């Protein structure tokens, strides 16, 4: 974590789940670092490194090497909480959606166009169905 107090539960099960998601795309897991932080912290990263002047729920830095996926994934707990409340979704479901969203980016999925966004959401939903806590 950075600048917040947050305890992430079920690390082993989530790790196993992410590994199964990654291997379903014929890739291997390298190093995935999840950093949970505040809106302000992630906004600062967004502005400094990506020149984006907006809040977001996740920023993924890709360090993939061939078929091995690796990256630093920064997640705003504030934003995840807000999205879960606005969309009437349990926080636990939304945090896992955001977590797998970053992994899907590392696996090669994008979400710039409407078609890409639809495909990303479909892949998120497929991945979430594999998660058992």
C-alpha atoms as a PDB file:
ATOM      1  CA  UNK A   1       0.000   0.000   0.000  1.00  0.00           C
ATOM      2  CA  UNK A   2       0.947   3.640  -0.411  1.00  0.00           C
ATOM      3  CA  UNK A   3      -0.558   6.433   1.701  1.00  0.00           C
ATOM      4  CA  UNK A   4      -3.589   4.372   2.831  1.00  0.00           C
ATOM      5  CA  UNK A   5      -4.477   1.639   5.261  1.00  0.00           C
ATOM      6  CA  UNK A   6      -5.878  -1.322   3.336  1.00  0.00           C
ATOM      7  CA  UNK A   7      -5.685  -5.054   3.939  1.00  0.00           C
ATOM      8  CA  UNK A   8      -6.085  -7.251   0.890  1.00  0.00           C
ATOM      9  CA  UNK A   9      -7.598 -10.618   1.760  1.00  0.00           C
ATOM     10  CA  UNK A  10      -7.297 -14.057   0.161  1.00  0.00           C
ATOM     11  CA  UNK A  11      -3.927 -13.348  -1.448  1.00  0.00           C
ATOM     12  CA  UNK A  12      -3.165 -16.996  -2.203  1.00  0.00           C
ATOM     13  CA  UNK A  13      -6.524 -17.679  -3.814  1.00  0.00           C
ATOM     14  CA  UNK A  14      -6.340 -14.483  -5.850  1.00  0.00           C
ATOM     15  CA  UNK A  15      -2.786 -15.323  -6.919  1.00  0.00           C
ATOM     16  CA  UNK A  16      -3.892 -18.776  -8.048  1.00  0.00           C
ATOM     17  CA  UNK A  17      -6.864 -17.251  -9.861  1.00  0.00           C
ATOM     18  CA  UNK A  18      -4.681 -14.718 -11.687  1.00  0.00           C
ATOM     19  CA  UNK A  19      -2.293 -17.482 -12.664  1.00  0.00           C
ATOM     20  CA  UNK A  20      -5.177 -19.439 -14.215  1.00  0.00           C
ATOM     21  CA  UNK A  21      -6.349 -16.315 -16.083  1.00  0.00           C
ATOM     22  CA  UNK A  22      -2.854 -15.676 -17.440  1.00  0.00           C
ATOM     23  CA  UNK A  23      -2.255 -19.289 -18.461  1.00  0.00           C
ATOM     24  CA  UNK A  24      -5.600 -19.334 -20.285  1.00  0.00           C
ATOM     25  CA  UNK A  25      -3.935 -16.924 -22.742  1.00  0.00           C
ATOM     26  CA  UNK A  26      -0.854 -19.158 -23.088  1.00  0.00           C
ATOM     27  CA  UNK A  27       1.259 -16.792 -21.027  1.00  0.00           C
ATOM     28  CA  UNK A  28       3.270 -17.148 -17.831  1.00  0.00           C
ATOM     29  CA  UNK A  29       3.201 -14.985 -14.728  1.00  0.00           C
ATOM     30  CA  UNK A  30       6.419 -13.145 -13.998  1.00  0.00           C
ATOM     31  CA  UNK A  31       6.253 -10.511 -11.269  1.00  0.00           C
ATOM     32  CA  UNK A  32       3.000  -8.714 -10.558  1.00  0.00           C
ATOM     33  CA  UNK A  33       3.165  -5.944  -7.970  1.00  0.00           C
ATOM     34  CA  UNK A  34      -0.184  -4.600  -6.802  1.00  0.00           C
ATOM     35  CA  UNK A  35       0.072  -1.258  -5.030  1.00  0.00           C
ATOM     36  CA  UNK A  36      -3.121  -0.079  -3.347  1.00  0.00           C
ATOM     37  CA  UNK A  37      -3.304   3.666  -2.872  1.00  0.00           C
ATOM     38  CA  UNK A  38      -5.543   6.739  -2.636  1.00  0.00           C
ATOM     39  CA  UNK A  39      -7.136   8.747  -5.430  1.00  0.00           C
ATOM     40  CA  UNK A  40      -4.614  11.555  -4.921  1.00  0.00           C
ATOM     41  CA  UNK A  41      -1.636   9.202  -5.109  1.00  0.00           C
ATOM     42  CA  UNK A  42      -2.861   7.595  -8.331  1.00  0.00           C
ATOM     43  CA  UNK A  43      -3.820  10.971  -9.794  1.00  0.00           C
ATOM     44  CA  UNK A  44      -0.254  12.143  -9.218  1.00  0.00           C
ATOM     45  CA  UNK A  45       1.122   9.070 -11.032  1.00  0.00           C
ATOM     46  CA  UNK A  46      -1.371   9.579 -13.856  1.00  0.00           C
ATOM     47  CA  UNK A  47      -0.333  13.185 -14.308  1.00  0.00           C
ATOM     48  CA  UNK A  48       3.415  12.681 -13.842  1.00  0.00           C
ATOM     49  CA  UNK A  49       3.995   9.571 -15.936  1.00  0.00           C
ATOM     50  CA  UNK A  50       1.100   9.535 -18.408  1.00  0.00           C
ATOM     51  CA  UNK A  51       0.311  13.268 -18.727  1.00  0.00           C
ATOM     52  CA  UNK A  52      -3.357  12.520 -17.967  1.00  0.00           C
ATOM     53  CA  UNK A  53      -5.222  15.049 -15.842  1.00  0.00           C
ATOM     54  CA  UNK A  54      -7.912  12.753 -14.448  1.00  0.00           C
ATOM     55  CA  UNK A  55      -8.691  10.260 -11.736  1.00  0.00           C
ATOM     56  CA  UNK A  56      -8.727   6.561 -12.562  1.00  0.00           C
ATOM     57  CA  UNK A  57      -9.105   3.263 -10.739  1.00  0.00           C
ATOM     58  CA  UNK A  58      -5.967   1.538 -12.065  1.00  0.00           C
ATOM     59  CA  UNK A  59      -2.733   2.297 -13.834  1.00  0.00           C
ATOM     60  CA  UNK A  60      -0.723  -0.616 -15.175  1.00  0.00           C
ATOM     61  CA  UNK A  61       2.972  -0.334 -15.952  1.00  0.00           C
ATOM     62  CA  UNK A  62       3.899  -3.104 -18.363  1.00  0.00           C
ATOM     63  CA  UNK A  63       7.239  -4.896 -17.904  1.00  0.00           C
ATOM     64  CA  UNK A  64       6.325  -7.973 -19.932  1.00  0.00           C
ATOM     65  CA  UNK A  65       9.056  -9.938 -21.625  1.00  0.00           C
ATOM     66  CA  UNK A  66       7.819 -12.176 -24.398  1.00  0.00           C
ATOM     67  CA  UNK A  67       5.258 -14.595 -22.996  1.00  0.00           C
ATOM     68  CA  UNK A  68       6.040 -13.704 -19.383  1.00  0.00           C
ATOM     69  CA  UNK A  69       3.775 -11.004 -17.994  1.00  0.00           C
ATOM     70  CA  UNK A  70       5.088  -8.646 -15.356  1.00  0.00           C
ATOM     71  CA  UNK A  71       4.035  -5.237 -14.180  1.00  0.00           C
ATOM     72  CA  UNK A  72       3.311  -2.733 -11.457  1.00  0.00           C
ATOM     73  CA  UNK A  73      -0.410  -2.227 -10.990  1.00  0.00           C
ATOM     74  CA  UNK A  74      -1.499   0.797  -8.950  1.00  0.00           C
ATOM     75  CA  UNK A  75      -5.106   0.691  -7.746  1.00  0.00           C
ATOM     76  CA  UNK A  76      -7.030   3.552  -6.124  1.00  0.00           C
ATOM     77  CA  UNK A  77      -9.100   2.087  -3.310  1.00  0.00           C
ATOM     78  CA  UNK A  78     -11.050   5.382  -3.177  1.00  0.00           C
ATOM     79  CA  UNK A  79     -12.047   5.034  -6.831  1.00  0.00           C
ATOM     80  CA  UNK A  80     -12.924   1.323  -6.518  1.00  0.00           C
ATOM     81  CA  UNK A  81     -15.140   2.150  -3.532  1.00  0.00           C
ATOM     82  CA  UNK A  82     -16.834   4.975  -5.429  1.00  0.00           C
ATOM     83  CA  UNK A  83     -17.451   2.827  -8.535  1.00  0.00           C
ATOM     84  CA  UNK A  84     -18.834  -0.025  -6.447  1.00  0.00           C
ATOM     85  CA  UNK A  85     -21.227   2.350  -4.680  1.00  0.00           C
ATOM     86  CA  UNK A  86     -22.307   4.145  -7.881  1.00  0.00           C
ATOM     87  CA  UNK A  87     -22.906   0.872  -9.710  1.00  0.00           C
ATOM     88  CA  UNK A  88     -24.427  -0.942  -6.731  1.00  0.00           C
ATOM     89  CA  UNK A  89     -21.750  -3.656  -6.884  1.00  0.00           C
ATOM     90  CA  UNK A  90     -20.112  -5.261  -3.872  1.00  0.00           C
ATOM     91  CA  UNK A  91     -16.683  -3.786  -3.181  1.00  0.00           C
ATOM     92  CA  UNK A  92     -15.172  -7.289  -3.206  1.00  0.00           C
ATOM     93  CA  UNK A  93     -16.412  -7.899  -6.763  1.00  0.00           C
ATOM     94  CA  UNK A  94     -15.274  -4.502  -8.008  1.00  0.00           C
ATOM     95  CA  UNK A  95     -11.759  -4.801  -6.538  1.00  0.00           C
ATOM     96  CA  UNK A  96     -11.323  -8.173  -8.237  1.00  0.00           C
ATOM     97  CA  UNK A  97     -12.624  -6.749 -11.515  1.00  0.00           C
ATOM     98  CA  UNK A  98     -10.033  -3.978 -11.354  1.00  0.00           C
ATOM     99  CA  UNK A  99      -7.278  -6.432 -10.389  1.00  0.00           C
ATOM    100  CA  UNK A 100      -7.991  -8.692 -13.366  1.00  0.00           C
ATOM    101  CA  UNK A 101      -8.460  -5.657 -15.635  1.00  0.00           C
ATOM    102  CA  UNK A 102      -4.793  -4.803 -15.126  1.00  0.00           C
ATOM    103  CA  UNK A 103      -3.721  -8.388 -15.815  1.00  0.00           C
ATOM    104  CA  UNK A 104      -5.798  -8.423 -18.996  1.00  0.00           C
ATOM    105  CA  UNK A 105      -3.940  -5.317 -20.170  1.00  0.00           C
ATOM    106  CA  UNK A 106      -0.684  -7.171 -19.587  1.00  0.00           C
ATOM    107  CA  UNK A 107      -2.084 -10.111 -21.578  1.00  0.00           C
ATOM    108  CA  UNK A 108      -2.635  -7.776 -24.540  1.00  0.00           C
ATOM    109  CA  UNK A 109      -6.182  -6.490 -24.153  1.00  0.00           C
ATOM    110  CA  UNK A 110      -6.898  -2.792 -24.634  1.00  0.00           C
ATOM    111  CA  UNK A 111      -9.865  -0.561 -23.863  1.00  0.00           C
ATOM    112  CA  UNK A 112      -9.478   2.551 -25.973  1.00  0.00           C
ATOM    113  CA  UNK A 113     -12.326   1.988 -28.445  1.00  0.00           C
ATOM    114  CA  UNK A 114     -15.904   0.975 -27.672  1.00  0.00           C
ATOM    115  CA  UNK A 115     -15.297  -2.435 -29.236  1.00  0.00           C
ATOM    116  CA  UNK A 116     -12.167  -2.938 -27.124  1.00  0.00           C
ATOM    117  CA  UNK A 117     -14.048  -1.835 -24.005  1.00  0.00           C
ATOM    118  CA  UNK A 118     -16.806  -4.365 -24.707  1.00  0.00           C
ATOM    119  CA  UNK A 119     -14.254  -7.128 -25.239  1.00  0.00           C
ATOM    120  CA  UNK A 120     -12.368  -6.137 -22.071  1.00  0.00           C
ATOM    121  CA  UNK A 121     -15.591  -6.237 -20.026  1.00  0.00           C
ATOM    122  CA  UNK A 122     -16.423  -9.638 -21.509  1.00  0.00           C
ATOM    123  CA  UNK A 123     -12.972 -10.952 -20.541  1.00  0.00           C
ATOM    124  CA  UNK A 124     -13.325  -9.470 -17.048  1.00  0.00           C
ATOM    125  CA  UNK A 125     -16.655 -11.274 -16.600  1.00  0.00           C
ATOM    126  CA  UNK A 126     -15.238 -14.568 -17.875  1.00  0.00           C
ATOM    127  CA  UNK A 127     -12.283 -14.193 -15.497  1.00  0.00           C
ATOM    128  CA  UNK A 128     -14.465 -13.294 -12.520  1.00  0.00           C
ATOM    129  CA  UNK A 129     -16.457 -16.478 -13.025  1.00  0.00           C
ATOM    130  CA  UNK A 130     -13.233 -18.442 -12.411  1.00  0.00           C
ATOM    131  CA  UNK A 131     -12.692 -16.818  -9.006  1.00  0.00           C
ATOM    132  CA  UNK A 132     -13.772 -18.795  -5.959  1.00  0.00           C
ATOM    133  CA  UNK A 133     -13.085 -17.315  -2.541  1.00  0.00           C
END
